[in-house]
């Protein structure tokens, strides 16, 4: 039985656990966005590539990165205000950073954007009447396996795409195509 709300400002154990989960998710998002942000601000070739789909993309990446950090800080401050410990994932920050121009090369990461695999079957799975619990399987819409989402070498000429840029373009095209698909489409 769930205990009644504590109008004195406390959190139930479940509410505190939910807040900790949200704080951890925001910290992970911050780590993802920070890697893009370093290159969006500090690597001219990467900036040029980001501006292909939208000229304001480097600014968007920077603003979104700051938002993610503020979300994590807000949730942790809320936890502290309610007498709970804040969430820290610093112990898990063990992955290397990209070595390209603009990246913080000494920073340790929580997420690996240098070797990314994305499961795109979710789109068909959640729009299908099939149920994976009863044996239904769903194909990948786009195969994104072991690809860098950020450059792992300097780009040089931004007009010649690297695998990281090609991967990002494939993701952009994937999401553009998903918007065009009918809700119950198998692909």
Foldseek 3Di string as FASTA:
>chain_A
DFDDDDVVLADGPVRLVVLQVQLVVLVQVLLVLVLLLLCCPWAVLSVVLLCVVPVCRNVVSVVVSVVSVVSNVVSQVSCVVNPHHRDDPVVQQADAHAPETRIPRPGGGNDALQFDWDAQQVQLQVLEPDDVVVPDDADHPDGDGGFHCDDNYRDPHSVDDDRNSVSVVVVVVVVVVSVVDDSNDRD
